[in-house]
């Protein structure tokens, strides 16, 4: 599943880095903290690798 916004993609990238041990899990904030816990490395890779062109910075929540 691709990321729907640039912010979602950035959060997935941070969560992926923590899952791989590149950064400390304690450094994660907000959505990336939850993503790291609830998503697999493969899912995070899919979100983080989404192309940014044409994506909004944030997605409006209903």
PDB file of N, CA and C in Angstrom:
ATOM      1  N   UNK A   1       0.852  -1.171   0.000  1.00  0.00           N
ATOM      2  CA  UNK A   1       0.000   0.000   0.000  1.00  0.00           C
ATOM      3  C   UNK A   1       0.899   1.235   0.000  1.00  0.00           C
ATOM      4  N   UNK A   2       0.697   2.135  -0.936  1.00  0.00           N
ATOM      5  CA  UNK A   2       1.529   3.339  -0.976  1.00  0.00           C
ATOM      6  C   UNK A   2       1.103   4.377   0.056  1.00  0.00           C
ATOM      7  N   UNK A   3       2.038   5.224   0.435  1.00  0.00           N
ATOM      8  CA  UNK A   3       1.738   6.323   1.352  1.00  0.00           C
ATOM      9  C   UNK A   3       0.831   7.316   0.647  1.00  0.00           C
ATOM     10  N   UNK A   4      -0.048   7.965   1.397  1.00  0.00           N
ATOM     11  CA  UNK A   4      -0.981   8.920   0.810  1.00  0.00           C
ATOM     12  C   UNK A   4      -0.517  10.364   0.952  1.00  0.00           C
ATOM     13  N   UNK A   5       0.535  10.593   1.738  1.00  0.00           N
ATOM     14  CA  UNK A   5       1.058  11.947   1.904  1.00  0.00           C
ATOM     15  C   UNK A   5       2.561  11.890   2.157  1.00  0.00           C
ATOM     16  N   UNK A   6       3.203  13.034   2.004  1.00  0.00           N
ATOM     17  CA  UNK A   6       4.636  13.126   2.272  1.00  0.00           C
ATOM     18  C   UNK A   6       4.919  12.869   3.752  1.00  0.00           C
ATOM     19  N   UNK A   7       4.053  13.361   4.620  1.00  0.00           N
ATOM     20  CA  UNK A   7       4.245  13.175   6.063  1.00  0.00           C
ATOM     21  C   UNK A   7       4.181  11.695   6.428  1.00  0.00           C
ATOM     22  N   UNK A   8       3.248  10.978   5.817  1.00  0.00           N
ATOM     23  CA  UNK A   8       3.109   9.544   6.082  1.00  0.00           C
ATOM     24  C   UNK A   8       4.359   8.802   5.595  1.00  0.00           C
ATOM     25  N   UNK A   9       4.890   9.214   4.464  1.00  0.00           N
ATOM     26  CA  UNK A   9       6.088   8.589   3.921  1.00  0.00           C
ATOM     27  C   UNK A   9       7.294   8.839   4.822  1.00  0.00           C
ATOM     28  N   UNK A  10       7.422  10.055   5.325  1.00  0.00           N
ATOM     29  CA  UNK A  10       8.539  10.394   6.213  1.00  0.00           C
ATOM     30  C   UNK A  10       8.450   9.607   7.520  1.00  0.00           C
ATOM     31  N   UNK A  11       7.247   9.469   8.057  1.00  0.00           N
ATOM     32  CA  UNK A  11       7.058   8.711   9.297  1.00  0.00           C
ATOM     33  C   UNK A  11       7.434   7.253   9.085  1.00  0.00           C
ATOM     34  N   UNK A  12       7.059   6.711   7.946  1.00  0.00           N
ATOM     35  CA  UNK A  12       7.396   5.320   7.639  1.00  0.00           C
ATOM     36  C   UNK A  12       8.906   5.150   7.510  1.00  0.00           C
ATOM     37  N   UNK A  13       9.578   6.118   6.924  1.00  0.00           N
ATOM     38  CA  UNK A  13      11.037   6.056   6.792  1.00  0.00           C
ATOM     39  C   UNK A  13      11.728   6.060   8.141  1.00  0.00           C
ATOM     40  N   UNK A  14      11.236   6.894   9.047  1.00  0.00           N
ATOM     41  CA  UNK A  14      11.814   6.948  10.396  1.00  0.00           C
ATOM     42  C   UNK A  14      11.564   5.638  11.134  1.00  0.00           C
ATOM     43  N   UNK A  15      10.346   5.101  11.004  1.00  0.00           N
ATOM     44  CA  UNK A  15      10.008   3.834  11.668  1.00  0.00           C
ATOM     45  C   UNK A  15      10.857   2.697  11.111  1.00  0.00           C
ATOM     46  N   UNK A  16      11.070   2.707   9.814  1.00  0.00           N
ATOM     47  CA  UNK A  16      11.890   1.677   9.181  1.00  0.00           C
ATOM     48  C   UNK A  16      13.333   1.751   9.681  1.00  0.00           C
ATOM     49  N   UNK A  17      13.864   2.955   9.806  1.00  0.00           N
ATOM     50  CA  UNK A  17      15.229   3.123  10.309  1.00  0.00           C
ATOM     51  C   UNK A  17      15.354   2.579  11.729  1.00  0.00           C
ATOM     52  N   UNK A  18      14.329   2.807  12.545  1.00  0.00           N
ATOM     53  CA  UNK A  18      14.359   2.300  13.917  1.00  0.00           C
ATOM     54  C   UNK A  18      14.243   0.783  13.937  1.00  0.00           C
ATOM     55  N   UNK A  19      13.400   0.239  13.100  1.00  0.00           N
ATOM     56  CA  UNK A  19      13.222  -1.219  13.046  1.00  0.00           C
ATOM     57  C   UNK A  19      14.511  -1.906  12.620  1.00  0.00           C
ATOM     58  N   UNK A  20      15.268  -1.253  11.759  1.00  0.00           N
ATOM     59  CA  UNK A  20      16.534  -1.813  11.278  1.00  0.00           C
ATOM     60  C   UNK A  20      17.685  -1.540  12.232  1.00  0.00           C
ATOM     61  N   UNK A  21      17.462  -0.692  13.245  1.00  0.00           N
ATOM     62  CA  UNK A  21      18.504  -0.404  14.214  1.00  0.00           C
ATOM     63  C   UNK A  21      19.394   0.767  13.833  1.00  0.00           C
ATOM     64  N   UNK A  22      19.016   1.512  12.791  1.00  0.00           N
ATOM     65  CA  UNK A  22      19.820   2.655  12.364  1.00  0.00           C
ATOM     66  C   UNK A  22      19.670   3.838  13.314  1.00  0.00           C
ATOM     67  N   UNK A  23      18.520   3.955  13.940  1.00  0.00           N
ATOM     68  CA  UNK A  23      18.291   4.973  14.967  1.00  0.00           C
ATOM     69  C   UNK A  23      17.633   4.289  16.160  1.00  0.00           C
ATOM     70  N   UNK A  24      17.671   4.940  17.312  1.00  0.00           N
ATOM     71  CA  UNK A  24      17.070   4.372  18.514  1.00  0.00           C
ATOM     72  C   UNK A  24      15.554   4.521  18.467  1.00  0.00           C
ATOM     73  N   UNK A  25      14.846   3.488  18.917  1.00  0.00           N
ATOM     74  CA  UNK A  25      13.384   3.543  18.954  1.00  0.00           C
ATOM     75  C   UNK A  25      12.905   4.683  19.833  1.00  0.00           C
ATOM     76  N   UNK A  26      13.685   5.045  20.836  1.00  0.00           N
ATOM     77  CA  UNK A  26      13.304   6.128  21.745  1.00  0.00           C
ATOM     78  C   UNK A  26      13.320   7.487  21.056  1.00  0.00           C
ATOM     79  N   UNK A  27      13.946   7.584  19.891  1.00  0.00           N
ATOM     80  CA  UNK A  27      13.989   8.840  19.143  1.00  0.00           C
ATOM     81  C   UNK A  27      12.729   9.073  18.313  1.00  0.00           C
ATOM     82  N   UNK A  28      11.916   8.034  18.150  1.00  0.00           N
ATOM     83  CA  UNK A  28      10.701   8.168  17.349  1.00  0.00           C
ATOM     84  C   UNK A  28       9.653   8.991  18.073  1.00  0.00           C
ATOM     85  N   UNK A  29       8.870   9.730  17.289  1.00  0.00           N
ATOM     86  CA  UNK A  29       7.800  10.559  17.840  1.00  0.00           C
ATOM     87  C   UNK A  29       6.542  10.350  17.012  1.00  0.00           C
ATOM     88  N   UNK A  30       5.405  10.596  17.602  1.00  0.00           N
ATOM     89  CA  UNK A  30       4.131  10.606  16.879  1.00  0.00           C
ATOM     90  C   UNK A  30       3.824   9.334  16.110  1.00  0.00           C
ATOM     91  N   UNK A  31       3.419   9.512  14.856  1.00  0.00           N
ATOM     92  CA  UNK A  31       2.959   8.403  14.024  1.00  0.00           C
ATOM     93  C   UNK A  31       4.048   7.359  13.782  1.00  0.00           C
ATOM     94  N   UNK A  32       5.291   7.798  13.666  1.00  0.00           N
ATOM     95  CA  UNK A  32       6.357   6.841  13.381  1.00  0.00           C
ATOM     96  C   UNK A  32       6.529   5.834  14.514  1.00  0.00           C
ATOM     97  N   UNK A  33       6.257   6.256  15.742  1.00  0.00           N
ATOM     98  CA  UNK A  33       6.354   5.346  16.889  1.00  0.00           C
ATOM     99  C   UNK A  33       5.325   4.225  16.766  1.00  0.00           C
ATOM    100  N   UNK A  34       4.103   4.578  16.428  1.00  0.00           N
ATOM    101  CA  UNK A  34       3.045   3.577  16.252  1.00  0.00           C
ATOM    102  C   UNK A  34       3.282   2.690  15.046  1.00  0.00           C
ATOM    103  N   UNK A  35       3.786   3.277  13.976  1.00  0.00           N
ATOM    104  CA  UNK A  35       4.061   2.512  12.761  1.00  0.00           C
ATOM    105  C   UNK A  35       5.136   1.467  13.013  1.00  0.00           C
ATOM    106  N   UNK A  36       6.153   1.828  13.761  1.00  0.00           N
ATOM    107  CA  UNK A  36       7.255   0.899  14.049  1.00  0.00           C
ATOM    108  C   UNK A  36       6.741  -0.323  14.792  1.00  0.00           C
ATOM    109  N   UNK A  37       5.805  -0.109  15.696  1.00  0.00           N
ATOM    110  CA  UNK A  37       5.271  -1.210  16.497  1.00  0.00           C
ATOM    111  C   UNK A  37       4.292  -2.077  15.724  1.00  0.00           C
ATOM    112  N   UNK A  38       3.489  -1.471  14.874  1.00  0.00           N
ATOM    113  CA  UNK A  38       2.374  -2.198  14.264  1.00  0.00           C
ATOM    114  C   UNK A  38       2.607  -2.713  12.847  1.00  0.00           C
ATOM    115  N   UNK A  39       3.666  -2.271  12.186  1.00  0.00           N
ATOM    116  CA  UNK A  39       3.887  -2.649  10.792  1.00  0.00           C
ATOM    117  C   UNK A  39       5.166  -3.470  10.633  1.00  0.00           C
ATOM    118  N   UNK A  40       5.149  -4.350   9.634  1.00  0.00           N
ATOM    119  CA  UNK A  40       6.333  -5.162   9.346  1.00  0.00           C
ATOM    120  C   UNK A  40       7.351  -4.322   8.575  1.00  0.00           C
ATOM    121  N   UNK A  41       8.560  -4.812   8.512  1.00  0.00           N
ATOM    122  CA  UNK A  41       9.606  -4.103   7.777  1.00  0.00           C
ATOM    123  C   UNK A  41       9.221  -3.974   6.305  1.00  0.00           C
ATOM    124  N   UNK A  42       8.624  -5.008   5.742  1.00  0.00           N
ATOM    125  CA  UNK A  42       8.207  -4.972   4.339  1.00  0.00           C
ATOM    126  C   UNK A  42       7.133  -3.901   4.108  1.00  0.00           C
ATOM    127  N   UNK A  43       6.166  -3.796   5.014  1.00  0.00           N
ATOM    128  CA  UNK A  43       5.123  -2.777   4.881  1.00  0.00           C
ATOM    129  C   UNK A  43       5.727  -1.374   4.970  1.00  0.00           C
ATOM    130  N   UNK A  44       6.646  -1.197   5.906  1.00  0.00           N
ATOM    131  CA  UNK A  44       7.296   0.106   6.059  1.00  0.00           C
ATOM    132  C   UNK A  44       8.114   0.464   4.819  1.00  0.00           C
ATOM    133  N   UNK A  45       8.767  -0.521   4.218  1.00  0.00           N
ATOM    134  CA  UNK A  45       9.529  -0.277   2.992  1.00  0.00           C
ATOM    135  C   UNK A  45       8.614   0.210   1.877  1.00  0.00           C
ATOM    136  N   UNK A  46       7.429  -0.401   1.765  1.00  0.00           N
ATOM    137  CA  UNK A  46       6.474   0.004   0.727  1.00  0.00           C
ATOM    138  C   UNK A  46       6.021   1.454   0.930  1.00  0.00           C
ATOM    139  N   UNK A  47       5.717   1.814   2.174  1.00  0.00           N
ATOM    140  CA  UNK A  47       5.298   3.184   2.467  1.00  0.00           C
ATOM    141  C   UNK A  47       6.428   4.166   2.198  1.00  0.00           C
ATOM    142  N   UNK A  48       7.613   3.850   2.673  1.00  0.00           N
ATOM    143  CA  UNK A  48       8.746   4.772   2.564  1.00  0.00           C
ATOM    144  C   UNK A  48       9.218   4.943   1.126  1.00  0.00           C
ATOM    145  N   UNK A  49       9.015   3.950   0.276  1.00  0.00           N
ATOM    146  CA  UNK A  49       9.514   4.026  -1.098  1.00  0.00           C
ATOM    147  C   UNK A  49       8.517   4.658  -2.064  1.00  0.00           C
ATOM    148  N   UNK A  50       7.357   5.070  -1.598  1.00  0.00           N
ATOM    149  CA  UNK A  50       6.362   5.721  -2.445  1.00  0.00           C
ATOM    150  C   UNK A  50       6.942   6.991  -3.055  1.00  0.00           C
ATOM    151  N   UNK A  51       6.669   7.219  -4.311  1.00  0.00           N
ATOM    152  CA  UNK A  51       7.135   8.443  -4.961  1.00  0.00           C
ATOM    153  C   UNK A  51       6.427   9.643  -4.347  1.00  0.00           C
ATOM    154  N   UNK A  52       7.164  10.726  -4.128  1.00  0.00           N
ATOM    155  CA  UNK A  52       6.614  11.924  -3.479  1.00  0.00           C
ATOM    156  C   UNK A  52       5.890  12.848  -4.447  1.00  0.00           C
ATOM    157  N   UNK A  53       6.251  12.797  -5.711  1.00  0.00           N
ATOM    158  CA  UNK A  53       5.693  13.734  -6.681  1.00  0.00           C
ATOM    159  C   UNK A  53       4.160  13.660  -6.694  1.00  0.00           C
ATOM    160  N   UNK A  54       3.530  14.811  -6.517  1.00  0.00           N
ATOM    161  CA  UNK A  54       2.076  14.883  -6.557  1.00  0.00           C
ATOM    162  C   UNK A  54       1.376  14.557  -5.250  1.00  0.00           C
ATOM    163  N   UNK A  55       2.129  14.221  -4.225  1.00  0.00           N
ATOM    164  CA  UNK A  55       1.534  13.882  -2.935  1.00  0.00           C
ATOM    165  C   UNK A  55       1.362  15.163  -2.112  1.00  0.00           C
ATOM    166  N   UNK A  56       0.250  15.278  -1.380  1.00  0.00           N
ATOM    167  CA  UNK A  56       0.096  16.419  -0.483  1.00  0.00           C
ATOM    168  C   UNK A  56       1.008  16.254   0.726  1.00  0.00           C
ATOM    169  N   UNK A  57       1.311  17.345   1.404  1.00  0.00           N
ATOM    170  CA  UNK A  57       2.146  17.265   2.608  1.00  0.00           C
ATOM    171  C   UNK A  57       1.443  16.453   3.689  1.00  0.00           C
ATOM    172  N   UNK A  58       0.146  16.699   3.843  1.00  0.00           N
ATOM    173  CA  UNK A  58      -0.665  15.973   4.839  1.00  0.00           C
ATOM    174  C   UNK A  58      -1.984  15.571   4.202  1.00  0.00           C
ATOM    175  N   UNK A  59      -2.603  14.537   4.758  1.00  0.00           N
ATOM    176  CA  UNK A  59      -3.914  14.098   4.296  1.00  0.00           C
ATOM    177  C   UNK A  59      -4.945  14.545   5.331  1.00  0.00           C
ATOM    178  N   UNK A  60      -6.026  15.143   4.882  1.00  0.00           N
ATOM    179  CA  UNK A  60      -7.088  15.576   5.797  1.00  0.00           C
ATOM    180  C   UNK A  60      -7.761  14.360   6.402  1.00  0.00           C
ATOM    181  N   UNK A  61      -7.966  14.405   7.718  1.00  0.00           N
ATOM    182  CA  UNK A  61      -8.660  13.315   8.401  1.00  0.00           C
ATOM    183  C   UNK A  61     -10.114  13.681   8.557  1.00  0.00           C
ATOM    184  N   UNK A  62     -10.970  12.698   8.472  1.00  0.00           N
ATOM    185  CA  UNK A  62     -12.409  12.949   8.564  1.00  0.00           C
ATOM    186  C   UNK A  62     -12.882  12.825   9.984  1.00  0.00           C
TER     187      UNK A  62
END
